[in-house]
Protein backbone atom coordinates (compact mmCIF):
# COMPACT_ATOMS: atom_id res chain seq x y z
CA MET A 1 79.31 -47.22 -211.09
CA SER A 2 75.79 -46.36 -212.41
CA LEU A 3 73.12 -44.31 -210.82
CA LYS A 4 70.96 -46.36 -208.34
CA VAL A 5 68.68 -43.26 -207.24
CA VAL A 6 67.56 -40.35 -209.58
CA GLY A 7 66.18 -37.58 -207.32
CA ALA A 8 63.34 -35.69 -208.95
CA GLY A 9 62.61 -33.07 -206.31
CA PHE A 10 63.26 -29.49 -206.39
CA GLY A 11 66.03 -28.38 -204.07
CA ARG A 12 65.09 -27.08 -200.73
CA THR A 13 63.02 -29.93 -200.16
CA GLY A 14 65.17 -31.63 -197.85
CA THR A 15 67.75 -32.99 -200.27
CA LEU A 16 70.70 -32.33 -198.22
CA SER A 17 69.11 -34.48 -195.60
CA MET A 18 68.27 -37.04 -198.32
CA LYS A 19 72.02 -36.82 -199.49
CA ALA A 20 73.29 -37.66 -196.22
CA ALA A 21 70.24 -40.60 -195.73
CA LEU A 22 71.43 -42.20 -199.10
CA GLU A 23 75.09 -42.21 -198.35
CA GLN A 24 74.43 -43.58 -194.78
CA LEU A 25 72.26 -46.60 -196.93
CA GLY A 26 75.36 -47.16 -199.02
CA LEU A 27 73.60 -45.68 -202.13
CA GLY A 28 76.35 -42.80 -202.58
CA PRO A 29 78.18 -40.72 -203.03
CA CYS A 30 75.20 -38.98 -203.71
CA TYR A 31 75.29 -35.91 -206.29
CA HIS A 32 73.81 -32.57 -205.15
CA MET A 33 74.39 -29.01 -205.71
CA ALA A 34 76.92 -29.16 -203.04
CA GLU A 35 78.92 -31.33 -205.18
CA VAL A 36 79.37 -28.49 -207.96
CA ILE A 37 80.12 -26.33 -205.20
CA ALA A 38 82.92 -27.92 -203.79
CA HIS A 39 84.30 -28.94 -207.57
CA PRO A 40 83.29 -25.71 -209.44
CA PRO A 41 84.49 -27.46 -212.99
CA PHE A 42 81.59 -29.59 -212.63
CA VAL A 43 79.54 -26.18 -213.78
CA THR A 44 80.66 -27.08 -217.25
CA HIS A 45 78.22 -29.77 -217.29
CA TRP A 46 75.63 -28.28 -216.11
CA MET A 47 76.28 -25.15 -218.56
CA ALA A 48 76.26 -27.83 -221.54
CA ALA A 49 73.18 -29.55 -220.33
CA ALA A 50 70.88 -25.84 -219.96
CA GLU A 51 72.28 -25.10 -223.48
CA GLY A 52 70.87 -28.15 -224.85
CA ARG A 53 73.71 -29.94 -226.06
CA ASP A 54 74.12 -33.25 -225.72
CA ILE A 55 75.54 -34.80 -222.67
CA ASP A 56 77.37 -37.80 -221.70
CA TRP A 57 75.25 -38.69 -218.12
CA ASP A 58 78.12 -41.34 -217.34
CA VAL A 59 80.58 -38.68 -217.11
CA VAL A 60 78.90 -36.30 -215.36
CA PHE A 61 77.78 -38.99 -212.73
CA ALA A 62 81.24 -40.73 -212.60
CA GLY A 63 81.90 -42.28 -208.79
CA TYR A 64 78.27 -41.24 -207.66
CA GLY A 65 75.67 -43.77 -207.03
CA ALA A 66 72.49 -41.38 -206.50
CA THR A 67 71.61 -37.79 -207.16
CA VAL A 68 69.38 -35.24 -205.22
CA ASP A 69 68.79 -31.48 -205.74
CA TRP A 70 69.32 -28.86 -208.72
CA PRO A 71 71.17 -28.87 -211.27
CA ALA A 72 70.06 -32.74 -211.83
CA CYS A 73 66.45 -32.70 -210.86
CA SER A 74 66.45 -30.41 -213.98
CA PHE A 75 66.83 -33.29 -216.09
CA TRP A 76 65.19 -36.03 -214.13
CA ARG A 77 63.26 -37.34 -217.39
CA GLU A 78 66.45 -37.80 -219.14
CA LEU A 79 67.98 -39.57 -216.01
CA ALA A 80 65.14 -41.71 -215.43
CA GLY A 81 65.29 -42.80 -219.11
CA HIS A 82 69.12 -43.56 -219.32
CA TYR A 83 69.63 -45.25 -216.18
CA ARG A 84 66.45 -47.57 -216.49
CA ASP A 85 67.22 -49.40 -213.36
CA ALA A 86 67.65 -46.65 -210.89
CA LYS A 87 64.51 -45.63 -208.77
CA VAL A 88 62.93 -42.12 -208.64
CA ILE A 89 62.51 -40.42 -205.55
CA LEU A 90 60.36 -37.00 -205.48
CA THR A 91 61.27 -35.25 -202.19
CA VAL A 92 58.45 -32.90 -201.44
CA ARG A 93 57.28 -30.16 -198.69
CA ASP A 94 54.82 -27.81 -197.91
CA LEU A 95 55.01 -25.41 -200.88
CA ASP A 96 54.89 -22.11 -199.03
CA THR A 97 57.61 -22.79 -196.74
CA TRP A 98 59.37 -23.94 -199.70
CA PHE A 99 59.06 -20.93 -201.43
CA ASP A 100 59.89 -19.00 -197.90
CA SER A 101 63.15 -21.17 -197.76
CA CYS A 102 64.00 -20.36 -201.15
CA GLN A 103 63.52 -16.84 -200.99
CA ALA A 104 66.12 -16.82 -197.85
CA THR A 105 68.83 -18.84 -199.40
CA ILE A 106 68.86 -19.83 -203.10
CA PHE A 107 66.88 -17.27 -205.00
CA ASN A 108 69.26 -14.51 -203.20
CA ILE A 109 72.17 -16.19 -204.62
CA MET A 110 70.43 -16.28 -208.39
CA LYS A 111 69.54 -12.55 -208.00
CA ALA A 112 72.78 -11.28 -206.50
CA PRO A 113 74.77 -9.46 -209.16
CA LEU A 114 77.52 -11.89 -210.48
CA GLU A 115 80.41 -9.37 -209.72
CA VAL A 116 79.68 -9.54 -205.89
CA LEU A 117 80.57 -13.13 -206.13
CA PRO A 118 83.68 -14.79 -205.91
CA PRO A 119 84.76 -16.41 -209.20
CA PRO A 120 84.16 -19.99 -208.89
CA MET A 121 80.55 -19.20 -206.99
CA ALA A 122 79.66 -16.57 -210.03
CA GLY A 123 80.02 -19.41 -212.51
CA ILE A 124 77.56 -21.78 -210.38
CA ALA A 125 75.17 -18.63 -210.10
CA ARG A 126 75.28 -18.17 -213.96
CA MET A 127 74.60 -21.87 -214.43
CA ALA A 128 71.84 -21.82 -211.66
CA ARG A 129 70.59 -18.36 -213.40
CA MET A 130 70.12 -20.14 -216.51
CA LEU A 131 68.82 -23.66 -215.20
CA VAL A 132 66.66 -22.70 -212.13
CA ARG A 133 65.89 -18.69 -212.32
CA GLU A 134 65.08 -18.56 -215.98
CA LYS A 135 64.15 -22.21 -217.62
CA THR A 136 62.23 -23.14 -214.74
CA PHE A 137 60.72 -20.46 -213.10
CA GLY A 138 60.81 -17.84 -216.05
CA ASP A 139 62.64 -15.18 -214.51
CA ARG A 140 59.91 -14.59 -211.68
CA LEU A 141 61.53 -15.66 -208.49
CA ASP A 142 59.85 -13.06 -206.40
CA ASP A 143 56.41 -14.08 -207.36
CA ARG A 144 55.39 -16.74 -205.08
CA GLY A 145 51.94 -17.74 -206.72
CA HIS A 146 54.12 -18.62 -209.83
CA CYS A 147 56.88 -20.35 -208.20
CA VAL A 148 54.75 -22.59 -206.20
CA ALA A 149 52.35 -23.13 -209.32
CA VAL A 150 55.47 -24.49 -211.23
CA HIS A 151 56.51 -26.62 -208.34
CA ARG A 152 53.16 -28.01 -207.84
CA ALA A 153 53.25 -28.84 -212.08
CA HIS A 154 56.34 -30.41 -211.54
CA ILE A 155 55.22 -32.90 -208.82
CA GLU A 156 52.11 -33.52 -210.89
CA GLU A 157 54.20 -34.39 -214.04
CA VAL A 158 56.73 -36.60 -212.34
CA THR A 159 54.11 -38.77 -210.67
CA ARG A 160 52.24 -38.69 -214.15
CA THR A 161 55.23 -40.02 -215.70
CA ILE A 162 57.12 -42.36 -213.63
CA PRO A 163 55.49 -45.80 -212.84
CA ALA A 164 53.94 -46.14 -209.57
CA SER A 165 56.64 -49.04 -208.89
CA ARG A 166 59.29 -47.04 -209.78
CA LEU A 167 58.65 -43.91 -207.54
CA LEU A 168 58.38 -42.74 -204.09
CA VAL A 169 57.01 -39.59 -203.07
CA PHE A 170 58.70 -38.69 -200.22
CA ASP A 171 59.03 -36.12 -197.19
CA VAL A 172 61.97 -36.35 -195.30
CA LYS A 173 59.59 -35.83 -192.14
CA GLN A 174 58.55 -39.70 -192.81
CA GLY A 175 62.02 -40.82 -191.74
CA TRP A 176 63.35 -44.36 -192.48
CA GLU A 177 60.92 -46.72 -192.93
CA PRO A 178 59.08 -45.61 -196.22
CA LEU A 179 62.50 -44.86 -197.67
CA CYS A 180 64.35 -48.24 -196.68
CA ARG A 181 60.69 -50.24 -198.03
CA PHE A 182 61.01 -48.08 -201.26
CA LEU A 183 64.88 -49.37 -201.82
CA GLU A 184 64.52 -52.77 -199.99
CA VAL A 185 67.48 -52.03 -197.56
CA PRO A 186 67.22 -52.63 -193.79
CA VAL A 187 66.32 -49.74 -191.56
CA PRO A 188 69.10 -48.08 -189.78
CA GLY A 189 69.34 -48.11 -185.96
CA ASN A 190 70.13 -44.40 -185.50
CA PRO A 191 68.05 -41.28 -186.55
CA PHE A 192 67.22 -40.20 -189.73
CA PRO A 193 69.49 -37.24 -190.90
CA ARG A 194 68.28 -33.76 -190.29
CA VAL A 195 70.55 -31.29 -192.04
CA ASN A 196 69.35 -27.89 -191.38
CA GLU A 197 69.91 -26.57 -194.93
CA ARG A 198 69.29 -23.11 -194.35
CA GLU A 199 71.18 -22.90 -191.13
CA ASN A 200 73.89 -24.16 -193.03
CA PHE A 201 73.47 -22.23 -196.39
CA GLY A 202 76.51 -19.91 -195.88
CA ARG A 203 78.99 -22.65 -195.48
CA ASP A 204 77.45 -24.48 -198.62
CA ILE A 205 78.17 -21.45 -201.01
CA SER A 206 81.54 -20.62 -199.83
CA PRO A 207 84.12 -21.96 -202.35
CA ASP A 208 86.18 -23.70 -200.01
CA SER A 209 82.98 -25.87 -198.85
CA ARG A 210 83.44 -29.65 -198.98
CA ARG A 211 80.51 -32.27 -198.61
CA PRO A 212 81.37 -35.89 -197.83
């Protein structure tokens, strides 16, 4: 299986809803940070990638048809280049509410002392610190202006780099129609998935968490 969709949007932009939507459209299984949490050995791939080592992306994504969220979105350029037939989806949302959501959830994990976390989660947190806290946000997770500016620059870089014919800039509030039109698949008869990521966050970070 080869990736058909590369998600370039940062975490906390409706990526868990997007994961559910892509799987419902038959483009999954969809890789997401929840997959790393459910399968802690996956973290070794991302530590290697964060350290700049060569990665066999086909091994990383074996069995997956799409990817969204961190850690993969940090490598959107490499993935778009490797999977040249894949379409790219950039999930977006209001940047201030995005920052508030991050502060209430994933940023807290990245700032927590590793010794208070269960061993599997500590490894994932260590990877997230390197890849997201340090490499993406320069260890300034409490600086709203800085984080928002980094996110805005990321959006601009993706839209400048990926051809418009291959890219969908998408807010999950838009629902099925623009997504299905872009992917050239029928619109389902049921509502677009609305997964409340903040509400489910405590379950997501459990080492016993599992995602379909």
